[in-house]
PDB file of all heavy atoms in Angstrom:
ATOM      1  N   ILE A   1      56.882  56.246 -99.066  1.00  0.00           N
ATOM      2  CA  ILE A   1      57.635  55.410 -98.108  1.00  0.00           C
ATOM      3  C   ILE A   1      57.576  56.008 -96.734  1.00  0.00           C
ATOM      4  O   ILE A   1      57.347  55.316 -95.774  1.00  0.00           O
ATOM      5  CB  ILE A   1      59.069  55.329 -98.551  1.00  0.00           C
ATOM      6  CG1 ILE A   1      59.176  54.457 -99.776  1.00  0.00           C
ATOM      7  CG2 ILE A   1      60.023  54.665 -97.489  1.00  0.00           C
ATOM      8  CD1 ILE A   1      60.557  54.467-100.538  1.00  0.00           C
ATOM      9  N   LEU A   2      57.786  57.351 -96.666  1.00  0.00           N
ATOM     10  CA  LEU A   2      57.767  58.021 -95.311  1.00  0.00           C
ATOM     11  C   LEU A   2      56.448  57.898 -94.595  1.00  0.00           C
ATOM     12  O   LEU A   2      56.407  57.845 -93.367  1.00  0.00           O
ATOM     13  CB  LEU A   2      58.054  59.443 -95.487  1.00  0.00           C
ATOM     14  CG  LEU A   2      59.441  59.855 -96.001  1.00  0.00           C
ATOM     15  CD1 LEU A   2      59.539  61.408 -96.184  1.00  0.00           C
ATOM     16  CD2 LEU A   2      60.559  59.418 -94.955  1.00  0.00           C
ATOM     17  N   HIS A   3      55.308  57.687 -95.356  1.00  0.00           N
ATOM     18  CA  HIS A   3      54.012  57.704 -94.788  1.00  0.00           C
ATOM     19  C   HIS A   3      53.402  56.336 -94.772  1.00  0.00           C
ATOM     20  O   HIS A   3      52.199  56.170 -94.345  1.00  0.00           O
ATOM     21  CB  HIS A   3      53.178  58.786 -95.414  1.00  0.00           C
ATOM     22  CG  HIS A   3      53.594  60.189 -95.110  1.00  0.00           C
ATOM     23  ND1 HIS A   3      54.480  60.746 -95.837  1.00  0.00           N
ATOM     24  CD2 HIS A   3      53.193  61.061 -94.133  1.00  0.00           C
ATOM     25  CE1 HIS A   3      54.692  62.064 -95.384  1.00  0.00           C
ATOM     26  NE2 HIS A   3      53.957  62.194 -94.403  1.00  0.00           N
ATOM     27  N   ASN A   4      54.085  55.343 -95.258  1.00  0.00           N
ATOM     28  CA  ASN A   4      53.409  54.006 -95.331  1.00  0.00           C
ATOM     29  C   ASN A   4      54.342  52.838 -94.914  1.00  0.00           C
ATOM     30  O   ASN A   4      54.005  51.717 -95.004  1.00  0.00           O
ATOM     31  CB  ASN A   4      53.010  53.723 -96.801  1.00  0.00           C
ATOM     32  CG  ASN A   4      51.816  54.632 -97.260  1.00  0.00           C
ATOM     33  OD1 ASN A   4      50.661  54.276 -96.976  1.00  0.00           O
ATOM     34  ND2 ASN A   4      52.185  55.728 -97.905  1.00  0.00           N
ATOM     35  N   PHE A   5      55.429  53.238 -94.313  1.00  0.00           N
ATOM     36  CA  PHE A   5      56.501  52.308 -93.875  1.00  0.00           C
ATOM     37  C   PHE A   5      56.807  52.492 -92.436  1.00  0.00           C
ATOM     38  O   PHE A   5      56.974  53.786 -92.117  1.00  0.00           O
ATOM     39  CB  PHE A   5      57.726  52.381 -94.773  1.00  0.00           C
ATOM     40  CG  PHE A   5      58.791  51.417 -94.407  1.00  0.00           C
ATOM     41  CD1 PHE A   5      58.585  50.046 -94.448  1.00  0.00           C
ATOM     42  CD2 PHE A   5      60.047  51.866 -93.920  1.00  0.00           C
ATOM     43  CE1 PHE A   5      59.591  49.147 -94.222  1.00  0.00           C
ATOM     44  CE2 PHE A   5      61.014  50.950 -93.541  1.00  0.00           C
ATOM     45  CZ  PHE A   5      60.799  49.614 -93.732  1.00  0.00           C
ATOM     46  N   GLU A   6      56.910  51.535 -91.718  1.00  0.00           N
ATOM     47  CA  GLU A   6      57.102  51.801 -90.194  1.00  0.00           C
ATOM     48  C   GLU A   6      58.528  51.503 -89.747  1.00  0.00           C
ATOM     49  O   GLU A   6      58.696  51.651 -88.445  1.00  0.00           O
ATOM     50  CB  GLU A   6      56.076  50.927 -89.455  1.00  0.00           C
ATOM     51  CG  GLU A   6      54.620  51.381 -89.709  1.00  0.00           C
ATOM     52  CD  GLU A   6      53.535  50.626 -88.896  1.00  0.00           C
ATOM     53  OE1 GLU A   6      54.016  49.682 -88.222  1.00  0.00           O
ATOM     54  OE2 GLU A   6      52.380  50.938 -88.991  1.00  0.00           O
ATOM     55  N   GLY A   7      59.456  51.102 -90.582  1.00  0.00           N
ATOM     56  CA  GLY A   7      60.701  50.825 -90.169  1.00  0.00           C
ATOM     57  C   GLY A   7      61.657  51.976 -90.293  1.00  0.00           C
ATOM     58  O   GLY A   7      61.161  53.230 -90.171  1.00  0.00           O
ATOM     59  N   THR A   8      62.899  51.815 -90.449  1.00  0.00           N
ATOM     60  CA  THR A   8      63.941  52.849 -90.575  1.00  0.00           C
ATOM     61  C   THR A   8      64.064  53.193 -92.010  1.00  0.00           C
ATOM     62  O   THR A   8      64.080  52.414 -92.859  1.00  0.00           O
ATOM     63  CB  THR A   8      65.281  52.448 -90.018  1.00  0.00           C
ATOM     64  OG1 THR A   8      65.148  52.181 -88.642  1.00  0.00           O
ATOM     65  CG2 THR A   8      66.390  53.417 -90.353  1.00  0.00           C
ATOM     66  N   VAL A   9      64.119  54.540 -92.300  1.00  0.00           N
ATOM     67  CA  VAL A   9      64.336  55.105 -93.651  1.00  0.00           C
ATOM     68  C   VAL A   9      65.631  55.809 -93.625  1.00  0.00           C
ATOM     69  O   VAL A   9      65.824  56.752 -92.901  1.00  0.00           O
ATOM     70  CB  VAL A   9      63.112  55.998 -94.116  1.00  0.00           C
ATOM     71  CG1 VAL A   9      63.424  56.479 -95.578  1.00  0.00           C
ATOM     72  CG2 VAL A   9      61.891  55.218 -94.144  1.00  0.00           C
ATOM     73  N   ILE A  10      66.425  55.502 -94.634  1.00  0.00           N
ATOM     74  CA  ILE A  10      67.789  56.163 -94.843  1.00  0.00           C
ATOM     75  C   ILE A  10      67.656  56.932 -96.212  1.00  0.00           C
ATOM     76  O   ILE A  10      67.413  56.207 -97.202  1.00  0.00           O
ATOM     77  CB  ILE A  10      68.893  55.256 -94.779  1.00  0.00           C
ATOM     78  CG1 ILE A  10      68.975  54.460 -93.372  1.00  0.00           C
ATOM     79  CG2 ILE A  10      70.225  55.935 -95.062  1.00  0.00           C
ATOM     80  CD1 ILE A  10      69.812  53.184 -93.444  1.00  0.00           C
ATOM     81  N   VAL A  11      67.968  58.182 -96.270  1.00  0.00           N
ATOM     82  CA  VAL A  11      67.848  59.022 -97.513  1.00  0.00           C
ATOM     83  C   VAL A  11      69.208  59.571 -97.807  1.00  0.00           C
ATOM     84  O   VAL A  11      69.853  60.237 -97.027  1.00  0.00           O
ATOM     85  CB  VAL A  11      66.802  60.135 -97.369  1.00  0.00           C
ATOM     86  CG1 VAL A  11      66.620  60.858 -98.791  1.00  0.00           C
ATOM     87  CG2 VAL A  11      65.483  59.593 -96.891  1.00  0.00           C
ATOM     88  N   ASP A  12      69.656  59.276 -99.073  1.00  0.00           N
ATOM     89  CA  ASP A  12      71.014  59.652 -99.520  1.00  0.00           C
ATOM     90  C   ASP A  12      70.868  60.255-100.929  1.00  0.00           C
ATOM     91  O   ASP A  12      69.919  60.088-101.612  1.00  0.00           O
ATOM     92  CB  ASP A  12      71.922  58.497 -99.427  1.00  0.00           C
ATOM     93  CG  ASP A  12      73.393  58.852 -99.705  1.00  0.00           C
ATOM     94  OD1 ASP A  12      73.769  60.053 -99.549  1.00  0.00           O
ATOM     95  OD2 ASP A  12      74.128  57.982-100.177  1.00  0.00           O
ATOM     96  N   ALA A  13      71.880  60.945-101.353  1.00  0.00           N
ATOM     97  CA  ALA A  13      72.070  61.283-102.692  1.00  0.00           C
ATOM     98  C   ALA A  13      70.885  61.928-103.328  1.00  0.00           C
ATOM     99  O   ALA A  13      70.363  62.901-102.884  1.00  0.00           O
ATOM    100  CB  ALA A  13      72.616  60.114-103.485  1.00  0.00           C
ATOM    101  N   ASP A  14      70.359  61.383-104.459  1.00  0.00           N
ATOM    102  CA  ASP A  14      69.246  61.952-105.197  1.00  0.00           C
ATOM    103  C   ASP A  14      67.906  61.922-104.358  1.00  0.00           C
ATOM    104  O   ASP A  14      67.022  62.661-104.625  1.00  0.00           O
ATOM    105  CB  ASP A  14      69.049  61.248-106.507  1.00  0.00           C
ATOM    106  CG  ASP A  14      70.169  61.452-107.480  1.00  0.00           C
ATOM    107  OD1 ASP A  14      70.663  62.558-107.588  1.00  0.00           O
ATOM    108  OD2 ASP A  14      70.552  60.550-108.224  1.00  0.00           O
ATOM    109  N   GLY A  15      67.839  60.934-103.408  1.00  0.00           N
ATOM    110  CA  GLY A  15      66.767  61.108-102.462  1.00  0.00           C
ATOM    111  C   GLY A  15      66.760  62.361-101.733  1.00  0.00           C
ATOM    112  O   GLY A  15      65.629  62.995-101.408  1.00  0.00           O
ATOM    113  N   LEU A  16      67.960  62.797-101.239  1.00  0.00           N
ATOM    114  CA  LEU A  16      68.052  64.078-100.585  1.00  0.00           C
ATOM    115  C   LEU A  16      67.799  65.271-101.476  1.00  0.00           C
ATOM    116  O   LEU A  16      67.098  66.236-101.095  1.00  0.00           O
ATOM    117  CB  LEU A  16      69.446  64.296-100.128  1.00  0.00           C
ATOM    118  CG  LEU A  16      69.895  63.320 -98.987  1.00  0.00           C
ATOM    119  CD1 LEU A  16      71.418  63.404 -98.750  1.00  0.00           C
ATOM    120  CD2 LEU A  16      69.132  63.497 -97.713  1.00  0.00           C
ATOM    121  N   ASN A  17      68.128  65.247-102.786  1.00  0.00           N
ATOM    122  CA  ASN A  17      67.777  66.248-103.649  1.00  0.00           C
ATOM    123  C   ASN A  17      66.345  66.367-103.861  1.00  0.00           C
ATOM    124  O   ASN A  17      65.725  67.427-103.941  1.00  0.00           O
ATOM    125  CB  ASN A  17      68.435  66.010-105.110  1.00  0.00           C
ATOM    126  CG  ASN A  17      69.994  66.122-104.991  1.00  0.00           C
ATOM    127  OD1 ASN A  17      70.539  66.811-104.141  1.00  0.00           O
ATOM    128  ND2 ASN A  17      70.735  65.349-105.895  1.00  0.00           N
ATOM    129  N   ALA A  18      65.576  65.183-103.947  1.00  0.00           N
ATOM    130  CA  ALA A  18      64.107  65.257-104.032  1.00  0.00           C
ATOM    131  C   ALA A  18      63.520  65.845-102.792  1.00  0.00           C
ATOM    132  O   ALA A  18      62.657  66.674-102.972  1.00  0.00           O
ATOM    133  CB  ALA A  18      63.517  63.800-104.277  1.00  0.00           C
ATOM    134  N   LEU A  19      64.011  65.425-101.625  1.00  0.00           N
ATOM    135  CA  LEU A  19      63.572  65.993-100.389  1.00  0.00           C
ATOM    136  C   LEU A  19      63.665  67.406-100.242  1.00  0.00           C
ATOM    137  O   LEU A  19      62.824  68.160 -99.760  1.00  0.00           O
ATOM    138  CB  LEU A  19      64.215  65.234 -99.273  1.00  0.00           C
ATOM    139  CG  LEU A  19      63.851  65.658 -97.827  1.00  0.00           C
ATOM    140  CD1 LEU A  19      62.328  65.416 -97.568  1.00  0.00           C
ATOM    141  CD2 LEU A  19      64.641  64.834 -96.711  1.00  0.00           C
ATOM    142  N   SER A  20      64.780  67.924-100.752  1.00  0.00           N
ATOM    143  CA  SER A  20      64.988  69.447-100.696  1.00  0.00           C
ATOM    144  C   SER A  20      63.910  70.260-101.382  1.00  0.00           C
ATOM    145  O   SER A  20      63.835  71.418-101.087  1.00  0.00           O
ATOM    146  CB  SER A  20      66.425  69.876-101.193  1.00  0.00           C
ATOM    147  OG  SER A  20      66.518  69.590-102.576  1.00  0.00           O
ATOM    148  N   LYS A  21      63.185  69.647-102.308  1.00  0.00           N
ATOM    149  CA  LYS A  21      62.159  70.365-103.045  1.00  0.00           C
ATOM    150  C   LYS A  21      60.835  70.575-102.123  1.00  0.00           C
ATOM    151  O   LYS A  21      60.155  71.558-102.465  1.00  0.00           O
ATOM    152  CB  LYS A  21      61.735  69.648-104.279  1.00  0.00           C
ATOM    153  CG  LYS A  21      63.025  69.451-105.326  1.00  0.00           C
ATOM    154  CD  LYS A  21      62.546  68.616-106.516  1.00  0.00           C
ATOM    155  CE  LYS A  21      63.718  68.419-107.468  1.00  0.00           C
ATOM    156  NZ  LYS A  21      63.424  67.515-108.602  1.00  0.00           N
ATOM    157  N   ASP A  22      60.724  69.702-101.094  1.00  0.00           N
ATOM    158  CA  ASP A  22      59.567  70.007-100.263  1.00  0.00           C
ATOM    159  C   ASP A  22      59.820  69.312 -98.906  1.00  0.00           C
ATOM    160  O   ASP A  22      59.445  67.989 -98.783  1.00  0.00           O
ATOM    161  CB  ASP A  22      58.304  69.361-101.005  1.00  0.00           C
ATOM    162  CG  ASP A  22      56.979  69.573-100.213  1.00  0.00           C
ATOM    163  OD1 ASP A  22      57.061  70.307 -99.190  1.00  0.00           O
ATOM    164  OD2 ASP A  22      55.985  69.042-100.545  1.00  0.00           O
ATOM    165  N   LEU A  23      60.288  69.999 -97.986  1.00  0.00           N
ATOM    166  CA  LEU A  23      60.559  69.461 -96.606  1.00  0.00           C
ATOM    167  C   LEU A  23      59.170  69.087 -95.945  1.00  0.00           C
ATOM    168  O   LEU A  23      59.156  68.446 -94.886  1.00  0.00           O
ATOM    169  CB  LEU A  23      61.358  70.355 -95.859  1.00  0.00           C
ATOM    170  CG  LEU A  23      62.868  70.422 -96.264  1.00  0.00           C
ATOM    171  CD1 LEU A  23      63.544  71.514 -95.512  1.00  0.00           C
ATOM    172  CD2 LEU A  23      63.546  69.152 -96.117  1.00  0.00           C
ATOM    173  N   GLY A  24      58.114  69.673 -96.421  1.00  0.00           N
ATOM    174  CA  GLY A  24      56.701  69.428 -95.919  1.00  0.00           C
ATOM    175  C   GLY A  24      56.383  67.865 -95.816  1.00  0.00           C
ATOM    176  O   GLY A  24      55.557  67.517 -94.972  1.00  0.00           O
ATOM    177  N   VAL A  25      57.041  67.028 -96.652  1.00  0.00           N
ATOM    178  CA  VAL A  25      56.734  65.624 -96.634  1.00  0.00           C
ATOM    179  C   VAL A  25      57.183  65.004 -95.405  1.00  0.00           C
ATOM    180  O   VAL A  25      56.795  63.896 -95.029  1.00  0.00           O
ATOM    181  CB  VAL A  25      57.376  64.939 -97.895  1.00  0.00           C
ATOM    182  CG1 VAL A  25      56.799  65.466 -99.158  1.00  0.00           C
ATOM    183  CG2 VAL A  25      58.877  64.878 -97.883  1.00  0.00           C
ATOM    184  N   LEU A  26      58.103  65.731 -94.583  1.00  0.00           N
ATOM    185  CA  LEU A  26      58.556  65.119 -93.270  1.00  0.00           C
ATOM    186  C   LEU A  26      57.465  65.181 -92.261  1.00  0.00           C
ATOM    187  O   LEU A  26      57.585  64.359 -91.202  1.00  0.00           O
ATOM    188  CB  LEU A  26      59.869  65.841 -92.854  1.00  0.00           C
ATOM    189  CG  LEU A  26      60.994  65.828 -93.786  1.00  0.00           C
ATOM    190  CD1 LEU A  26      62.148  66.617 -93.194  1.00  0.00           C
ATOM    191  CD2 LEU A  26      61.416  64.353 -93.928  1.00  0.00           C
ATOM    192  N   ARG A  27      56.436  65.972 -92.439  1.00  0.00           N
ATOM    193  CA  ARG A  27      55.380  66.018 -91.405  1.00  0.00           C
ATOM    194  C   ARG A  27      54.474  64.810 -91.504  1.00  0.00           C
ATOM    195  O   ARG A  27      54.171  64.272 -92.606  1.00  0.00           O
ATOM    196  CB  ARG A  27      54.569  67.249 -91.571  1.00  0.00           C
ATOM    197  CG  ARG A  27      55.276  68.606 -91.426  1.00  0.00           C
ATOM    198  CD  ARG A  27      54.349  69.724 -91.279  1.00  0.00           C
ATOM    199  NE  ARG A  27      53.793  70.079 -92.627  1.00  0.00           N
ATOM    200  CZ  ARG A  27      54.257  70.939 -93.513  1.00  0.00           C
ATOM    201  NH1 ARG A  27      55.360  71.557 -93.230  1.00  0.00           N
ATOM    202  NH2 ARG A  27      53.674  71.124 -94.623  1.00  0.00           N
ATOM    203  N   GLY A  28      54.131  64.236 -90.269  1.00  0.00           N
ATOM    204  CA  GLY A  28      53.178  63.258 -90.205  1.00  0.00           C
ATOM    205  C   GLY A  28      53.685  61.829 -90.651  1.00  0.00           C
ATOM    206  O   GLY A  28      52.778  60.970 -90.983  1.00  0.00           O
ATOM    207  N   ARG A  29      54.956  61.609 -90.780  1.00  0.00           N
ATOM    208  CA  ARG A  29      55.473  60.456 -91.298  1.00  0.00           C
ATOM    209  C   ARG A  29      55.239  59.256 -90.226  1.00  0.00           C
ATOM    210  O   ARG A  29      55.205  59.467 -88.996  1.00  0.00           O
ATOM    211  CB  ARG A  29      56.956  60.506 -91.612  1.00  0.00           C
ATOM    212  CG  ARG A  29      57.837  60.962 -90.376  1.00  0.00           C
ATOM    213  CD  ARG A  29      59.359  61.188 -90.928  1.00  0.00           C
ATOM    214  NE  ARG A  29      60.159  61.416 -89.807  1.00  0.00           N
ATOM    215  CZ  ARG A  29      60.515  62.665 -89.339  1.00  0.00           C
ATOM    216  NH1 ARG A  29      59.948  63.723 -89.828  1.00  0.00           N
ATOM    217  NH2 ARG A  29      61.307  62.765 -88.362  1.00  0.00           N
ATOM    218  N   THR A  30      55.244  58.093 -90.853  1.00  0.00           N
ATOM    219  CA  THR A  30      55.004  56.814 -89.998  1.00  0.00           C
ATOM    220  C   THR A  30      56.293  56.090 -89.749  1.00  0.00           C
ATOM    221  O   THR A  30      56.203  55.262 -88.907  1.00  0.00           O
ATOM    222  CB  THR A  30      53.997  55.954 -90.643  1.00  0.00           C
ATOM    223  OG1 THR A  30      54.545  55.513 -91.992  1.00  0.00           O
ATOM    224  CG2 THR A  30      52.721  56.674 -90.874  1.00  0.00           C
ATOM    225  N   CYS A  31      57.364  56.352 -90.460  1.00  0.00           N
ATOM    226  CA  CYS A  31      58.560  55.575 -90.286  1.00  0.00           C
ATOM    227  C   CYS A  31      59.143  55.667 -88.884  1.00  0.00           C
ATOM    228  O   CYS A  31      59.012  56.771 -88.253  1.00  0.00           O
ATOM    229  CB  CYS A  31      59.676  55.983 -91.365  1.00  0.00           C
ATOM    230  SG  CYS A  31      60.194  57.636 -91.216  1.00  0.00           S
ATOM    231  N   LYS A  32      59.758  54.649 -88.367  1.00  0.00           N
ATOM    232  CA  LYS A  32      60.237  54.626 -86.948  1.00  0.00           C
ATOM    233  C   LYS A  32      61.303  55.531 -86.713  1.00  0.00           C
ATOM    234  O   LYS A  32      61.413  56.293 -85.722  1.00  0.00           O
ATOM    235  CB  LYS A  32      60.700  53.190 -86.597  1.00  0.00           C
ATOM    236  CG  LYS A  32      61.079  52.960 -85.157  1.00  0.00           C
ATOM    237  CD  LYS A  32      61.411  51.538 -84.833  1.00  0.00           C
ATOM    238  CE  LYS A  32      60.209  50.695 -85.114  1.00  0.00           C
ATOM    239  NZ  LYS A  32      60.609  49.186 -84.803  1.00  0.00           N
ATOM    240  N   SER A  33      62.287  55.673 -87.690  1.00  0.00           N
ATOM    241  CA  SER A  33      63.313  56.616 -87.627  1.00  0.00           C
ATOM    242  C   SER A  33      63.733  57.059 -89.016  1.00  0.00           C
ATOM    243  O   SER A  33      63.620  56.298 -89.964  1.00  0.00           O
ATOM    244  CB  SER A  33      64.532  56.101 -86.851  1.00  0.00           C
ATOM    245  OG  SER A  33      65.178  54.992 -87.443  1.00  0.00           O
ATOM    246  N   LEU A  34      64.202  58.239 -89.223  1.00  0.00           N
ATOM    247  CA  LEU A  34      64.517  58.792 -90.485  1.00  0.00           C
ATOM    248  C   LEU A  34      65.972  59.290 -90.335  1.00  0.00           C
ATOM    249  O   LEU A  34      66.268  60.190 -89.526  1.00  0.00           O
ATOM    250  CB  LEU A  34      63.619  59.946 -90.918  1.00  0.00           C
ATOM    251  CG  LEU A  34      63.872  60.616 -92.168  1.00  0.00           C
ATOM    252  CD1 LEU A  34      63.963  59.663 -93.402  1.00  0.00           C
ATOM    253  CD2 LEU A  34      62.872  61.783 -92.435  1.00  0.00           C
ATOM    254  N   ILE A  35      66.795  58.819 -91.218  1.00  0.00           N
ATOM    255  CA  ILE A  35      68.268  59.198 -91.253  1.00  0.00           C
ATOM    256  C   ILE A  35      68.603  59.877 -92.599  1.00  0.00           C
ATOM    257  O   ILE A  35      68.416  59.318 -93.643  1.00  0.00           O
ATOM    258  CB  ILE A  35      69.141  57.968 -91.043  1.00  0.00           C
ATOM    259  CG1 ILE A  35      68.805  57.402 -89.739  1.00  0.00           C
ATOM    260  CG2 ILE A  35      70.599  58.278 -91.146  1.00  0.00           C
ATOM    261  CD1 ILE A  35      69.182  55.871 -89.624  1.00  0.00           C
ATOM    262  N   LEU A  36      69.125  61.108 -92.536  1.00  0.00           N
ATOM    263  CA  LEU A  36      69.546  61.830 -93.715  1.00  0.00           C
ATOM    264  C   LEU A  36      71.036  61.897 -93.779  1.00  0.00           C
ATOM    265  O   LEU A  36      71.672  62.229 -92.782  1.00  0.00           O
ATOM    266  CB  LEU A  36      68.919  63.251 -93.717  1.00  0.00           C
ATOM    267  CG  LEU A  36      67.429  63.345 -93.571  1.00  0.00           C
ATOM    268  CD1 LEU A  36      67.039  64.808 -93.537  1.00  0.00           C
ATOM    269  CD2 LEU A  36      66.593  62.507 -94.498  1.00  0.00           C
ATOM    270  N   THR A  37      71.650  61.604 -94.960  1.00  0.00           N
ATOM    271  CA  THR A  37      73.144  61.534 -94.983  1.00  0.00           C
ATOM    272  C   THR A  37      73.745  62.449 -95.983  1.00  0.00           C
ATOM    273  O   THR A  37      74.403  62.021 -96.876  1.00  0.00           O
ATOM    274  CB  THR A  37      73.512  60.040 -95.220  1.00  0.00           C
ATOM    275  OG1 THR A  37      72.979  59.734 -96.638  1.00  0.00           O
ATOM    276  CG2 THR A  37      72.916  59.001 -94.263  1.00  0.00           C
ATOM    277  N   PRO A  38      73.562  63.765 -95.848  1.00  0.00           N
ATOM    278  CA  PRO A  38      74.126  64.646 -96.945  1.00  0.00           C
ATOM    279  C   PRO A  38      75.654  64.989 -96.727  1.00  0.00           C
ATOM    280  O   PRO A  38      76.113  64.875 -95.620  1.00  0.00           O
ATOM    281  CB  PRO A  38      73.284  65.987 -96.553  1.00  0.00           C
ATOM    282  CG  PRO A  38      73.102  65.888 -95.031  1.00  0.00           C
ATOM    283  CD  PRO A  38      72.854  64.417 -94.807  1.00  0.00           C
ATOM    284  N   HIS A  39      76.204  65.291 -97.781  1.00  0.00           N
ATOM    285  CA  HIS A  39      77.507  66.108 -97.728  1.00  0.00           C
ATOM    286  C   HIS A  39      77.166  67.539 -97.680  1.00  0.00           C
ATOM    287  O   HIS A  39      75.954  67.926 -97.671  1.00  0.00           O
ATOM    288  CB  HIS A  39      78.369  65.706 -98.954  1.00  0.00           C
ATOM    289  CG  HIS A  39      77.896  65.927-100.321  1.00  0.00           C
ATOM    290  ND1 HIS A  39      77.337  67.150-100.685  1.00  0.00           N
ATOM    291  CD2 HIS A  39      77.658  65.106-101.317  1.00  0.00           C
ATOM    292  CE1 HIS A  39      76.940  66.980-101.927  1.00  0.00           C
ATOM    293  NE2 HIS A  39      77.104  65.777-102.352  1.00  0.00           N
ATOM    294  N   VAL A  40      78.187  68.450 -97.599  1.00  0.00           N
ATOM    295  CA  VAL A  40      77.843  69.855 -97.337  1.00  0.00           C
ATOM    296  C   VAL A  40      76.921  70.439 -98.303  1.00  0.00           C
ATOM    297  O   VAL A  40      76.015  71.229 -97.956  1.00  0.00           O
ATOM    298  CB  VAL A  40      79.183  70.643 -97.144  1.00  0.00           C
ATOM    299  CG1 VAL A  40      78.977  72.084 -97.053  1.00  0.00           C
ATOM    300  CG2 VAL A  40      79.986  70.098 -95.874  1.00  0.00           C
ATOM    301  N   LYS A  41      77.189  70.284 -99.636  1.00  0.00           N
ATOM    302  CA  LYS A  41      76.357  70.921-100.636  1.00  0.00           C
ATOM    303  C   LYS A  41      74.955  70.443-100.546  1.00  0.00           C
ATOM    304  O   LYS A  41      74.031  71.168-100.784  1.00  0.00           O
ATOM    305  CB  LYS A  41      76.934  70.675-101.983  1.00  0.00           C
ATOM    306  CG  LYS A  41      78.162  71.551-102.246  1.00  0.00           C
ATOM    307  CD  LYS A  41      78.621  71.497-103.749  1.00  0.00           C
ATOM    308  CE  LYS A  41      79.800  72.353-103.952  1.00  0.00           C
ATOM    309  NZ  LYS A  41      80.327  72.274-105.304  1.00  0.00           N
TER     310      LYS A  41
END
């Protein structure tokens, strides 16, 4: 999604848990804006 979608991406909950395993996927993304919505943990 981050590299094949050009709109806004909102990542929450288990999407954040997946992202925490490899922040490298944030490089070179095509989405127009990326919004992360974590709680403190």
